[in-house]
Protein backbone atom coordinates (compact mmCIF):
# COMPACT_ATOMS: atom_id res chain seq x y z
CA MET A 1 17.38 0.80 -6.59
CA SER A 2 19.86 -1.27 -4.60
CA ARG A 3 22.24 -3.76 -6.21
CA PHE A 4 20.66 -6.47 -4.04
CA VAL A 5 17.21 -5.75 -5.42
CA ALA A 6 18.53 -5.51 -8.97
CA THR A 7 20.21 -8.89 -8.61
CA LEU A 8 17.02 -10.49 -7.34
CA VAL A 9 15.04 -8.98 -10.21
CA ALA A 10 17.51 -10.29 -12.76
CA ALA A 11 17.29 -13.78 -11.26
CA ALA A 12 13.48 -13.95 -11.02
CA LEU A 13 11.49 -16.56 -12.89
CA ILE A 14 9.43 -15.52 -15.92
CA ALA A 15 5.71 -15.47 -15.12
CA PRO A 16 3.03 -16.69 -17.54
CA GLY A 17 1.24 -14.17 -19.74
CA ILE A 18 -2.25 -12.82 -19.13
CA ALA A 19 -5.01 -11.94 -21.53
CA SER A 20 -5.33 -8.35 -22.71
CA ALA A 21 -8.39 -6.52 -21.43
CA THR A 22 -10.45 -4.06 -23.50
CA CYS A 23 -13.32 -1.77 -22.51
CA LEU A 24 -13.62 -2.74 -18.89
CA LYS A 25 -16.76 -1.91 -16.95
CA PRO A 26 -16.18 1.24 -14.88
CA TYR A 27 -15.94 -0.64 -11.57
CA GLU A 28 -13.49 -3.11 -13.12
CA GLY A 29 -11.35 -0.30 -14.49
CA THR A 30 -11.26 1.36 -11.08
CA ALA A 31 -10.27 -1.93 -9.43
CA ILE A 32 -7.37 -2.37 -11.88
CA ASN A 33 -6.29 1.26 -11.46
CA ILE A 34 -6.33 0.89 -7.67
CA ALA A 35 -4.28 -2.30 -8.00
CA GLY A 36 -1.78 -0.40 -10.16
CA LEU A 37 -1.51 2.43 -7.65
CA LYS A 38 -1.15 0.06 -4.70
CA SER A 39 1.55 -1.91 -6.51
CA GLN A 40 3.47 1.25 -7.47
CA LEU A 41 3.44 2.42 -3.86
CA MET A 42 4.58 -1.03 -2.71
CA VAL A 43 7.49 -1.05 -5.16
CA THR A 44 8.44 2.45 -4.03
CA ALA A 45 8.23 1.45 -0.36
CA LEU A 46 10.57 -1.50 -0.87
CA SER A 47 13.01 0.37 -3.10
CA CYS A 48 13.18 3.68 -1.23
CA ASP A 49 12.89 2.53 2.41
CA THR A 50 9.49 4.17 2.85
CA ARG A 51 7.58 1.21 4.28
CA ASP A 52 6.13 3.39 7.04
CA ARG A 53 4.43 5.55 4.42
CA TYR A 54 3.06 2.50 2.67
CA ASN A 55 1.76 1.37 6.05
CA ASP A 56 0.02 4.72 6.46
CA PHE A 57 -1.57 4.33 3.03
CA VAL A 58 -2.86 0.82 3.76
CA LEU A 59 -4.22 1.77 7.20
CA THR A 60 -5.88 4.92 5.90
CA PHE A 61 -7.61 3.27 2.97
CA ARG A 62 -7.89 -0.36 4.10
CA PRO A 63 -11.70 -0.69 3.62
CA THR A 64 -11.46 0.81 0.11
CA LEU A 65 -8.52 -1.41 -0.82
CA GLN A 66 -10.37 -4.49 0.39
CA HIS A 67 -13.47 -3.49 -1.56
CA GLU A 68 -11.44 -2.96 -4.73
CA ASP A 69 -9.64 -6.28 -4.23
CA THR A 70 -13.05 -7.95 -4.15
CA ALA A 71 -14.05 -6.15 -7.36
CA LEU A 72 -10.80 -7.25 -9.01
CA ASN A 73 -11.44 -10.85 -7.96
CA SER A 74 -14.94 -10.71 -9.43
CA TYR A 75 -13.53 -9.48 -12.74
CA PHE A 76 -11.17 -12.45 -13.01
CA LEU A 77 -13.85 -14.87 -11.86
CA ARG A 78 -16.27 -13.57 -14.50
CA HIS A 79 -13.71 -13.72 -17.30
CA TYR A 80 -11.74 -16.86 -16.45
CA GLY A 81 -14.08 -19.08 -14.44
CA ARG A 82 -12.28 -21.92 -12.64
CA SER A 83 -8.84 -20.60 -13.56
CA TRP A 84 -9.54 -17.13 -12.17
CA ARG A 85 -7.18 -17.45 -9.21
CA SER A 86 -4.13 -18.38 -11.28
CA GLU A 87 -4.95 -15.66 -13.84
CA HIS A 88 -5.37 -13.15 -11.02
CA ASP A 89 -2.07 -14.14 -9.45
CA ASP A 90 -0.32 -13.95 -12.82
CA TYR A 91 -1.66 -10.43 -13.28
CA ILE A 92 -0.54 -9.27 -9.81
CA THR A 93 2.90 -10.77 -10.44
CA GLN A 94 3.31 -9.16 -13.83
CA LEU A 95 2.04 -5.82 -12.52
CA ALA A 96 4.70 -5.68 -9.81
CA ASN A 97 7.35 -6.99 -12.20
CA THR A 98 6.57 -4.35 -14.83
CA GLN A 99 6.71 -1.54 -12.29
CA SER A 100 9.84 -2.80 -10.54
CA GLU A 101 11.68 -3.14 -13.85
CA ALA A 102 10.69 0.45 -14.64
CA GLY A 103 12.38 1.40 -11.38
CA ILE A 104 15.56 -0.38 -12.37
CA ARG A 105 15.58 1.46 -15.69
CA GLU A 106 15.24 4.79 -13.86
CA GLY A 107 18.15 3.86 -11.59
CA THR A 108 19.02 6.39 -8.92
CA GLN A 109 16.27 8.71 -10.14
CA PHE A 110 13.53 6.25 -9.21
CA CYS A 111 13.08 7.39 -5.61
CA GLN A 112 13.31 11.06 -6.56
CA ALA A 113 10.55 10.52 -9.10
CA ASN A 114 8.21 8.35 -7.04
CA VAL A 115 8.40 9.06 -3.30
CA GLY A 116 6.30 12.20 -3.81
CA LEU A 117 3.43 9.95 -4.85
CA PHE A 118 2.91 9.15 -1.17
CA ASP A 119 2.36 12.85 -0.41
CA GLN A 120 -0.31 13.05 -3.10
CA VAL A 121 -2.14 9.90 -2.01
CA LEU A 122 -2.02 10.56 1.73
CA ALA A 123 -3.44 14.04 1.15
CA LEU A 124 -6.65 12.49 -0.24
CA LYS A 125 -9.64 12.85 2.06
CA SER A 126 -12.05 10.06 1.12
CA PRO A 127 -12.40 6.72 -0.67
CA LYS A 128 -13.98 8.56 -3.60
CA ASP A 129 -10.94 10.83 -3.80
CA LEU A 130 -8.67 7.78 -3.91
CA MET A 131 -10.67 6.16 -6.70
CA THR A 132 -10.73 9.39 -8.70
CA PHE A 133 -6.99 9.81 -8.23
CA ALA A 134 -6.31 6.24 -9.41
CA ASN A 135 -8.52 6.70 -12.47
CA ASP A 136 -6.99 10.07 -13.35
CA LYS A 137 -3.39 8.84 -12.91
CA PRO A 138 -3.28 5.21 -14.03
CA MET A 139 0.03 3.53 -13.23
CA LEU A 140 2.17 1.41 -15.53
CA GLN A 141 0.39 -1.90 -16.27
CA PRO A 142 1.36 -5.17 -18.00
CA ILE A 143 -1.80 -4.84 -20.15
CA ASP A 144 -3.35 -2.10 -22.25
CA TYR A 145 -7.00 -1.42 -21.52
CA ASP A 146 -9.80 1.11 -21.77
CA ILE A 147 -12.67 1.76 -19.39
CA CYS A 148 -16.01 1.77 -21.18
CA GLY A 149 -17.24 5.33 -21.69
CA VAL A 150 -14.14 6.94 -20.15
CA PRO A 151 -11.41 8.70 -22.18
CA HIS A 152 -8.14 6.77 -22.24
CA ARG A 153 -5.73 8.26 -19.70
CA PRO A 154 -1.98 8.42 -20.32
CA VAL A 155 0.15 6.38 -17.95
CA TYR A 156 1.44 8.36 -14.96
CA GLN A 157 5.09 9.29 -15.44
CA PRO A 158 6.60 11.56 -12.75
CA THR A 159 8.42 14.71 -13.81
CA LEU A 160 12.06 14.81 -12.83
CA VAL A 161 14.03 18.01 -12.29
CA GLN A 162 17.55 17.48 -13.51
CA ALA A 163 20.62 19.69 -13.43
CA VAL A 164 21.94 20.34 -16.92
CA THR A 165 25.49 21.65 -17.39
CA THR A 166 26.36 23.57 -20.55
CA THR A 167 29.45 25.45 -21.66
CA THR A 168 29.09 28.85 -23.35
CA ALA A 169 31.20 30.10 -26.24
CA SER A 170 33.33 32.07 -23.78
CA GLY A 171 34.13 28.90 -21.84
CA GLN A 172 31.84 29.58 -18.87
CA THR A 173 30.02 26.64 -17.30
CA VAL A 174 26.31 27.22 -16.71
CA VAL A 175 24.12 24.94 -14.61
CA ALA A 176 20.38 25.07 -15.22
CA GLN A 177 17.35 22.96 -14.30
CA GLN A 178 15.52 20.99 -16.92
CA SER A 179 12.28 19.05 -16.48
CA ALA A 180 12.11 15.61 -18.01
CA THR A 181 9.56 12.83 -17.93
CA ALA A 182 10.61 9.68 -16.16
CA PRO A 183 11.28 7.00 -18.80
CA ALA A 184 8.63 4.37 -19.42
CA ALA A 185 9.67 0.75 -19.09
CA VAL A 186 9.31 -2.24 -21.28
CA GLN A 187 7.30 -5.13 -19.92
CA GLY A 188 9.41 -7.43 -17.80
CA HIS A 189 9.67 -9.59 -14.74
CA GLY A 190 11.26 -8.94 -11.37
CA PHE A 191 11.57 -9.77 -7.72
CA PHE A 192 8.65 -7.77 -6.37
CA GLY A 193 5.99 -9.92 -8.04
CA ASN A 194 6.87 -12.79 -5.74
CA ILE A 195 5.55 -10.86 -2.76
CA ALA A 196 3.02 -8.53 -4.36
CA HIS A 197 -0.05 -10.63 -3.54
CA GLY A 198 -1.34 -9.66 -0.11
CA ILE A 199 1.48 -7.16 0.40
CA GLY A 200 -0.56 -5.12 2.88
CA SER A 201 -0.23 -7.81 5.52
CA ILE A 202 3.57 -7.89 5.71
CA PHE A 203 4.25 -4.30 6.81
């Protein structure tokens, strides 16, 4: 993550809270999981200079993304009535903030851990594949939720391969590889939430 981005995140305004969601209807859960995936790819694109790959994702799955955006809107409209738009915008803001702060906590390992997500997503062949992928690998969210009738999935945390240096009793230095799970982040607020809404139109 660049120092410029980190500075902007640190200076961002705190967004209002949103209500916790429990036992979402399956289509609502899919819509939120797609939103989480889209946001994670957006944060990665901005942080790792991979906007072209985010463009490819949006162009490939535009109809599905639009359909899921509509489903997400209907969820907020059903739950919040007249205030649905502000609640929706608060959620999108906090989603991007939570994921961008996770990136800051990972530091230089963020791009190593997340750029490969584009390879996985762009290898999907159909809208159904995308929805299944999003449901099987839910991204970090600002809320905890379950989808009615579906087992709770652990949050996606990429595996990092790190070089570990050890010194033997004889004084020899040995370098080995060790797999580690990318650290989860605390909830927070950052720069990306300010541009998360409608991000597909700016690339």
